[in-house]
Amino acid sequence: MSDDLSRAAEEHFERGNSFDENGYSERAIAEWQEAVHLDPGHADAHYNLGIAYADEGETDLAIDELREVLRLKPFDTDTRRELAEIYLEANRAGDAINQLRQLLNIAPGDGDAARGLAEIYFNLGMIDQAAGALEAGAMLEEDADLWFRLGKAYENEQRRDDAILAYRRALIAQPDHRDADMALRQLHAPVEEPPDPNEFEIE
């Protein structure tokens, strides 16, 4: 691509951004479309188009644009996150799961991605997978309520040990989580896991 085409594409991209900031979404879309016409490898213009199409309810167009971003920038976590949200809104849970799993492969400690993936699994009734996704996160305070919900789900399945572990995880994420504390008491389980006697050697 010539430098002239590249510069022209960038000018259309910037004009699109300006129109978007001032509330002229249709004109912004037209500018970004011209940017990618001139420079098909302009990932930021594809990204902006994807978000704009999603806002306009043009789901298929949004997905196409964001998938093109990932073709150009496969390690772009923001794009994978946005694409996962669009897939969820389109009732394509499997595709959303795929994007969030790939995101976690790129950024293993991403708490938002781990929580989002866990929420999807939980809503599908896949509670073991939900727990595994949460384990991949960083035990943030925002995770506590989901760990608690997982504990209740395990209790409903008569899986006492798994329920206890989930409640303990809720307390790790949020030490003052009263519901998790109370649930452990009702199960007659200590808040913290007791030490393994096999770990201690007698002299």
C-alpha atoms as a PDB file:
ATOM      1  CA  MET A   1       0.000   0.000   0.000  1.00  0.00           C
ATOM      2  CA  SER A   2       1.238   3.460  -0.894  1.00  0.00           C
ATOM      3  CA  ASP A   3       1.918   6.062   1.755  1.00  0.00           C
ATOM      4  CA  ASP A   4      -0.732   8.287   0.166  1.00  0.00           C
ATOM      5  CA  LEU A   5      -3.445   5.648   0.597  1.00  0.00           C
ATOM      6  CA  SER A   6      -2.333   4.969   4.154  1.00  0.00           C
ATOM      7  CA  ARG A   7      -2.466   8.679   5.020  1.00  0.00           C
ATOM      8  CA  ALA A   8      -5.879   9.068   3.379  1.00  0.00           C
ATOM      9  CA  ALA A   9      -7.219   6.084   5.337  1.00  0.00           C
ATOM     10  CA  GLU A  10      -5.939   7.573   8.571  1.00  0.00           C
ATOM     11  CA  GLU A  11      -7.593  10.893   7.787  1.00  0.00           C
ATOM     12  CA  HIS A  12     -10.948   9.181   7.238  1.00  0.00           C
ATOM     13  CA  PHE A  13     -10.427   7.222  10.455  1.00  0.00           C
ATOM     14  CA  GLU A  14      -9.779  10.378  12.467  1.00  0.00           C
ATOM     15  CA  ARG A  15     -12.750  12.167  10.894  1.00  0.00           C
ATOM     16  CA  GLY A  16     -14.894   9.198  11.831  1.00  0.00           C
ATOM     17  CA  ASN A  17     -13.703   9.457  15.417  1.00  0.00           C
ATOM     18  CA  SER A  18     -14.550  13.156  15.462  1.00  0.00           C
ATOM     19  CA  PHE A  19     -18.041  12.569  14.077  1.00  0.00           C
ATOM     20  CA  ASP A  20     -18.581   9.786  16.609  1.00  0.00           C
ATOM     21  CA  GLU A  21     -17.518  11.983  19.525  1.00  0.00           C
ATOM     22  CA  ASN A  22     -20.065  14.595  18.424  1.00  0.00           C
ATOM     23  CA  GLY A  23     -22.920  12.119  18.075  1.00  0.00           C
ATOM     24  CA  TYR A  24     -22.976  11.740  14.303  1.00  0.00           C
ATOM     25  CA  SER A  25     -22.872   7.956  14.183  1.00  0.00           C
ATOM     26  CA  GLU A  26     -23.929   7.521  10.537  1.00  0.00           C
ATOM     27  CA  ARG A  27     -21.263   9.922   9.301  1.00  0.00           C
ATOM     28  CA  ALA A  28     -18.716   8.251  11.569  1.00  0.00           C
ATOM     29  CA  ILE A  29     -19.561   4.848  10.104  1.00  0.00           C
ATOM     30  CA  ALA A  30     -19.233   6.204   6.569  1.00  0.00           C
ATOM     31  CA  GLU A  31     -15.757   7.582   7.348  1.00  0.00           C
ATOM     32  CA  TRP A  32     -14.582   4.337   8.943  1.00  0.00           C
ATOM     33  CA  GLN A  33     -15.939   2.384   5.992  1.00  0.00           C
ATOM     34  CA  GLU A  34     -13.877   4.550   3.674  1.00  0.00           C
ATOM     35  CA  ALA A  35     -10.847   4.054   5.900  1.00  0.00           C
ATOM     36  CA  VAL A  36     -11.033   0.256   5.613  1.00  0.00           C
ATOM     37  CA  HIS A  37     -11.785   0.526   1.891  1.00  0.00           C
ATOM     38  CA  LEU A  38      -8.533   2.408   1.414  1.00  0.00           C
ATOM     39  CA  ASP A  39      -6.610   0.332   3.966  1.00  0.00           C
ATOM     40  CA  PRO A  40      -8.156  -3.115   4.641  1.00  0.00           C
ATOM     41  CA  GLY A  41      -5.521  -3.676   7.314  1.00  0.00           C
ATOM     42  CA  HIS A  42      -6.625  -0.707   9.441  1.00  0.00           C
ATOM     43  CA  ALA A  43      -7.518  -2.694  12.564  1.00  0.00           C
ATOM     44  CA  ASP A  44      -8.704   0.298  14.596  1.00  0.00           C
ATOM     45  CA  ALA A  45     -11.190   1.304  11.896  1.00  0.00           C
ATOM     46  CA  HIS A  46     -12.515  -2.261  11.741  1.00  0.00           C
ATOM     47  CA  TYR A  47     -12.842  -2.230  15.532  1.00  0.00           C
ATOM     48  CA  ASN A  48     -14.743   1.060  15.580  1.00  0.00           C
ATOM     49  CA  LEU A  49     -17.035  -0.222  12.838  1.00  0.00           C
ATOM     50  CA  GLY A  50     -17.688  -3.377  14.819  1.00  0.00           C
ATOM     51  CA  ILE A  51     -18.695  -1.442  17.922  1.00  0.00           C
ATOM     52  CA  ALA A  52     -20.798   0.991  15.889  1.00  0.00           C
ATOM     53  CA  TYR A  53     -22.607  -1.807  14.067  1.00  0.00           C
ATOM     54  CA  ALA A  54     -23.311  -3.517  17.388  1.00  0.00           C
ATOM     55  CA  ASP A  55     -24.786  -0.282  18.745  1.00  0.00           C
ATOM     56  CA  GLU A  56     -27.003  -0.084  15.649  1.00  0.00           C
ATOM     57  CA  GLY A  57     -28.199  -3.668  16.139  1.00  0.00           C
ATOM     58  CA  GLU A  58     -26.337  -4.917  13.057  1.00  0.00           C
ATOM     59  CA  THR A  59     -25.025  -8.009  14.805  1.00  0.00           C
ATOM     60  CA  ASP A  60     -23.706  -9.914  11.791  1.00  0.00           C
ATOM     61  CA  LEU A  61     -21.820  -6.885  10.488  1.00  0.00           C
ATOM     62  CA  ALA A  62     -20.396  -6.235  13.953  1.00  0.00           C
ATOM     63  CA  ILE A  63     -19.170  -9.821  14.243  1.00  0.00           C
ATOM     64  CA  ASP A  64     -17.580  -9.688  10.788  1.00  0.00           C
ATOM     65  CA  GLU A  65     -15.664  -6.509  11.620  1.00  0.00           C
ATOM     66  CA  LEU A  66     -14.436  -7.723  14.994  1.00  0.00           C
ATOM     67  CA  ARG A  67     -13.394 -11.072  13.555  1.00  0.00           C
ATOM     68  CA  GLU A  68     -11.373  -9.135  11.006  1.00  0.00           C
ATOM     69  CA  VAL A  69      -9.662  -7.274  13.852  1.00  0.00           C
ATOM     70  CA  LEU A  70      -8.717 -10.623  15.389  1.00  0.00           C
ATOM     71  CA  ARG A  71      -7.376 -11.825  12.064  1.00  0.00           C
ATOM     72  CA  LEU A  72      -5.122  -8.765  12.046  1.00  0.00           C
ATOM     73  CA  LYS A  73      -4.428  -8.706  15.809  1.00  0.00           C
ATOM     74  CA  PRO A  74      -5.080 -12.168  17.284  1.00  0.00           C
ATOM     75  CA  PHE A  75      -3.902 -11.193  20.767  1.00  0.00           C
ATOM     76  CA  ASP A  76      -6.232  -8.193  21.129  1.00  0.00           C
ATOM     77  CA  THR A  77      -8.079  -8.895  24.368  1.00  0.00           C
ATOM     78  CA  ASP A  78     -10.466  -5.919  24.128  1.00  0.00           C
ATOM     79  CA  THR A  79     -11.774  -7.189  20.798  1.00  0.00           C
ATOM     80  CA  ARG A  80     -12.277 -10.702  22.147  1.00  0.00           C
ATOM     81  CA  ARG A  81     -14.183  -9.276  25.121  1.00  0.00           C
ATOM     82  CA  GLU A  82     -16.448  -7.172  22.881  1.00  0.00           C
ATOM     83  CA  LEU A  83     -17.004 -10.082  20.511  1.00  0.00           C
ATOM     84  CA  ALA A  84     -17.947 -12.354  23.418  1.00  0.00           C
ATOM     85  CA  GLU A  85     -20.557  -9.830  24.577  1.00  0.00           C
ATOM     86  CA  ILE A  86     -22.048  -9.588  21.100  1.00  0.00           C
ATOM     87  CA  TYR A  87     -22.188 -13.363  20.802  1.00  0.00           C
ATOM     88  CA  LEU A  88     -23.980 -13.549  24.148  1.00  0.00           C
ATOM     89  CA  GLU A  89     -26.558 -10.982  23.072  1.00  0.00           C
ATOM     90  CA  ALA A  90     -27.092 -13.064  19.924  1.00  0.00           C
ATOM     91  CA  ASN A  91     -27.678 -16.204  22.052  1.00  0.00           C
ATOM     92  CA  ARG A  92     -24.471 -17.775  20.768  1.00  0.00           C
ATOM     93  CA  ALA A  93     -23.117 -18.925  24.122  1.00  0.00           C
ATOM     94  CA  GLY A  94     -20.691 -21.425  22.597  1.00  0.00           C
ATOM     95  CA  ASP A  95     -18.988 -18.725  20.546  1.00  0.00           C
ATOM     96  CA  ALA A  96     -18.864 -16.409  23.560  1.00  0.00           C
ATOM     97  CA  ILE A  97     -17.249 -19.168  25.634  1.00  0.00           C
ATOM     98  CA  ASN A  98     -14.677 -19.740  22.908  1.00  0.00           C
ATOM     99  CA  GLN A  99     -13.695 -16.065  22.835  1.00  0.00           C
ATOM    100  CA  LEU A 100     -13.417 -15.785  26.620  1.00  0.00           C
ATOM    101  CA  ARG A 101     -11.373 -18.979  26.882  1.00  0.00           C
ATOM    102  CA  GLN A 102      -8.977 -17.661  24.266  1.00  0.00           C
ATOM    103  CA  LEU A 103      -8.827 -14.348  26.106  1.00  0.00           C
ATOM    104  CA  LEU A 104      -7.865 -16.174  29.302  1.00  0.00           C
ATOM    105  CA  ASN A 105      -5.169 -18.069  27.415  1.00  0.00           C
ATOM    106  CA  ILE A 106      -3.710 -14.687  26.424  1.00  0.00           C
ATOM    107  CA  ALA A 107      -4.285 -13.001  29.801  1.00  0.00           C
ATOM    108  CA  PRO A 108      -4.656 -15.738  32.452  1.00  0.00           C
ATOM    109  CA  GLY A 109      -5.286 -13.345  35.350  1.00  0.00           C
ATOM    110  CA  ASP A 110      -8.076 -11.371  33.663  1.00  0.00           C
ATOM    111  CA  GLY A 111     -10.721 -11.311  36.388  1.00  0.00           C
ATOM    112  CA  ASP A 112     -13.471  -9.855  34.197  1.00  0.00           C
ATOM    113  CA  ALA A 113     -13.011 -12.556  31.570  1.00  0.00           C
ATOM    114  CA  ALA A 114     -12.921 -15.307  34.196  1.00  0.00           C
ATOM    115  CA  ARG A 115     -16.065 -13.982  35.844  1.00  0.00           C
ATOM    116  CA  GLY A 116     -17.840 -13.562  32.512  1.00  0.00           C
ATOM    117  CA  LEU A 117     -16.968 -17.105  31.486  1.00  0.00           C
ATOM    118  CA  ALA A 118     -18.089 -18.432  34.868  1.00  0.00           C
ATOM    119  CA  GLU A 119     -21.417 -16.591  34.555  1.00  0.00           C
ATOM    120  CA  ILE A 120     -22.085 -18.199  31.177  1.00  0.00           C
ATOM    121  CA  TYR A 121     -21.235 -21.667  32.456  1.00  0.00           C
ATOM    122  CA  PHE A 122     -23.352 -21.129  35.559  1.00  0.00           C
ATOM    123  CA  ASN A 123     -26.346 -20.025  33.511  1.00  0.00           C
ATOM    124  CA  LEU A 124     -25.945 -23.151  31.378  1.00  0.00           C
ATOM    125  CA  GLY A 125     -25.960 -25.304  34.506  1.00  0.00           C
ATOM    126  CA  MET A 126     -22.300 -26.272  34.039  1.00  0.00           C
ATOM    127  CA  ILE A 127     -21.253 -25.504  37.594  1.00  0.00           C
ATOM    128  CA  ASP A 128     -17.972 -27.431  37.603  1.00  0.00           C
ATOM    129  CA  GLN A 129     -16.845 -25.493  34.536  1.00  0.00           C
ATOM    130  CA  ALA A 130     -18.008 -22.263  36.208  1.00  0.00           C
ATOM    131  CA  ALA A 131     -15.877 -23.035  39.249  1.00  0.00           C
ATOM    132  CA  GLY A 132     -12.904 -23.819  37.028  1.00  0.00           C
ATOM    133  CA  ALA A 133     -13.289 -20.509  35.219  1.00  0.00           C
ATOM    134  CA  LEU A 134     -13.432 -18.597  38.495  1.00  0.00           C
ATOM    135  CA  GLU A 135     -10.337 -20.414  39.726  1.00  0.00           C
ATOM    136  CA  ALA A 136      -8.543 -18.951  36.697  1.00  0.00           C
ATOM    137  CA  GLY A 137      -9.260 -15.452  37.981  1.00  0.00           C
ATOM    138  CA  ALA A 138      -7.686 -13.597  40.856  1.00  0.00           C
ATOM    139  CA  MET A 139     -10.224 -14.133  43.675  1.00  0.00           C
ATOM    140  CA  LEU A 140     -11.511 -10.572  43.459  1.00  0.00           C
ATOM    141  CA  GLU A 141     -14.265  -9.210  45.684  1.00  0.00           C
ATOM    142  CA  GLU A 142     -16.553  -9.154  42.651  1.00  0.00           C
ATOM    143  CA  ASP A 143     -16.238 -12.942  42.456  1.00  0.00           C
ATOM    144  CA  ALA A 144     -17.602 -13.598  45.936  1.00  0.00           C
ATOM    145  CA  ASP A 145     -21.311 -13.645  45.102  1.00  0.00           C
ATOM    146  CA  LEU A 146     -20.790 -16.018  42.200  1.00  0.00           C
ATOM    147  CA  TRP A 147     -18.744 -18.358  44.386  1.00  0.00           C
ATOM    148  CA  PHE A 148     -21.603 -18.239  46.892  1.00  0.00           C
ATOM    149  CA  ARG A 149     -24.156 -19.073  44.168  1.00  0.00           C
ATOM    150  CA  LEU A 150     -21.950 -21.971  43.100  1.00  0.00           C
ATOM    151  CA  GLY A 151     -21.882 -23.193  46.679  1.00  0.00           C
ATOM    152  CA  LYS A 152     -25.676 -23.174  46.805  1.00  0.00           C
ATOM    153  CA  ALA A 153     -25.825 -25.041  43.488  1.00  0.00           C
ATOM    154  CA  TYR A 154     -23.455 -27.687  44.847  1.00  0.00           C
ATOM    155  CA  GLU A 155     -25.558 -27.997  47.985  1.00  0.00           C
ATOM    156  CA  ASN A 156     -28.658 -28.551  45.850  1.00  0.00           C
ATOM    157  CA  GLU A 157     -26.807 -31.409  44.162  1.00  0.00           C
ATOM    158  CA  GLN A 158     -25.866 -32.877  47.551  1.00  0.00           C
ATOM    159  CA  ARG A 159     -22.175 -32.213  46.891  1.00  0.00           C
ATOM    160  CA  ARG A 160     -21.238 -31.042  50.366  1.00  0.00           C
ATOM    161  CA  ASP A 161     -17.450 -30.948  49.942  1.00  0.00           C
ATOM    162  CA  ASP A 162     -17.683 -28.927  46.735  1.00  0.00           C
ATOM    163  CA  ALA A 163     -20.162 -26.557  48.391  1.00  0.00           C
ATOM    164  CA  ILE A 164     -17.789 -26.008  51.313  1.00  0.00           C
ATOM    165  CA  LEU A 165     -14.916 -25.269  48.938  1.00  0.00           C
ATOM    166  CA  ALA A 166     -17.048 -22.763  47.005  1.00  0.00           C
ATOM    167  CA  TYR A 167     -18.130 -20.974  50.185  1.00  0.00           C
ATOM    168  CA  ARG A 168     -14.514 -20.776  51.331  1.00  0.00           C
ATOM    169  CA  ARG A 169     -13.562 -19.273  47.981  1.00  0.00           C
ATOM    170  CA  ALA A 170     -16.301 -16.670  48.483  1.00  0.00           C
ATOM    171  CA  LEU A 171     -14.724 -15.729  51.808  1.00  0.00           C
ATOM    172  CA  ILE A 172     -11.260 -15.532  50.267  1.00  0.00           C
ATOM    173  CA  ALA A 173     -12.633 -13.081  47.724  1.00  0.00           C
ATOM    174  CA  GLN A 174     -14.646 -11.180  50.337  1.00  0.00           C
ATOM    175  CA  PRO A 175     -13.735 -12.031  53.950  1.00  0.00           C
ATOM    176  CA  ASP A 176     -16.870 -10.372  55.365  1.00  0.00           C
ATOM    177  CA  HIS A 177     -19.313 -12.244  53.111  1.00  0.00           C
ATOM    178  CA  ARG A 178     -21.931 -13.054  55.747  1.00  0.00           C
ATOM    179  CA  ASP A 179     -23.978 -15.448  53.629  1.00  0.00           C
ATOM    180  CA  ALA A 180     -20.941 -17.612  52.856  1.00  0.00           C
ATOM    181  CA  ASP A 181     -19.910 -17.576  56.496  1.00  0.00           C
ATOM    182  CA  MET A 182     -23.404 -18.588  57.582  1.00  0.00           C
ATOM    183  CA  ALA A 183     -23.580 -21.327  54.947  1.00  0.00           C
ATOM    184  CA  LEU A 184     -20.366 -22.849  56.261  1.00  0.00           C
ATOM    185  CA  ARG A 185     -21.685 -22.739  59.810  1.00  0.00           C
ATOM    186  CA  GLN A 186     -24.879 -24.493  58.732  1.00  0.00           C
ATOM    187  CA  LEU A 187     -22.746 -27.202  57.154  1.00  0.00           C
ATOM    188  CA  HIS A 188     -20.718 -27.402  60.401  1.00  0.00           C
ATOM    189  CA  ALA A 189     -17.569 -26.685  58.421  1.00  0.00           C
ATOM    190  CA  PRO A 190     -14.695 -24.457  59.519  1.00  0.00           C
ATOM    191  CA  VAL A 191     -14.200 -21.247  57.585  1.00  0.00           C
ATOM    192  CA  GLU A 192     -10.671 -22.240  56.629  1.00  0.00           C
ATOM    193  CA  GLU A 193      -9.645 -25.635  55.328  1.00  0.00           C
ATOM    194  CA  PRO A 194      -8.029 -27.608  58.154  1.00  0.00           C
ATOM    195  CA  PRO A 195      -4.371 -28.479  57.655  1.00  0.00           C
ATOM    196  CA  ASP A 196      -3.506 -31.840  56.137  1.00  0.00           C
ATOM    197  CA  PRO A 197      -1.915 -33.950  58.885  1.00  0.00           C
ATOM    198  CA  ASN A 198       0.172 -35.728  56.258  1.00  0.00           C
ATOM    199  CA  GLU A 199       2.008 -32.480  55.658  1.00  0.00           C
ATOM    200  CA  PHE A 200       3.597 -32.626  59.117  1.00  0.00           C
ATOM    201  CA  GLU A 201       6.356 -35.045  59.957  1.00  0.00           C
ATOM    202  CA  ILE A 202       6.932 -36.281  63.497  1.00  0.00           C
ATOM    203  CA  GLU A 203      10.555 -36.000  64.503  1.00  0.00           C
END
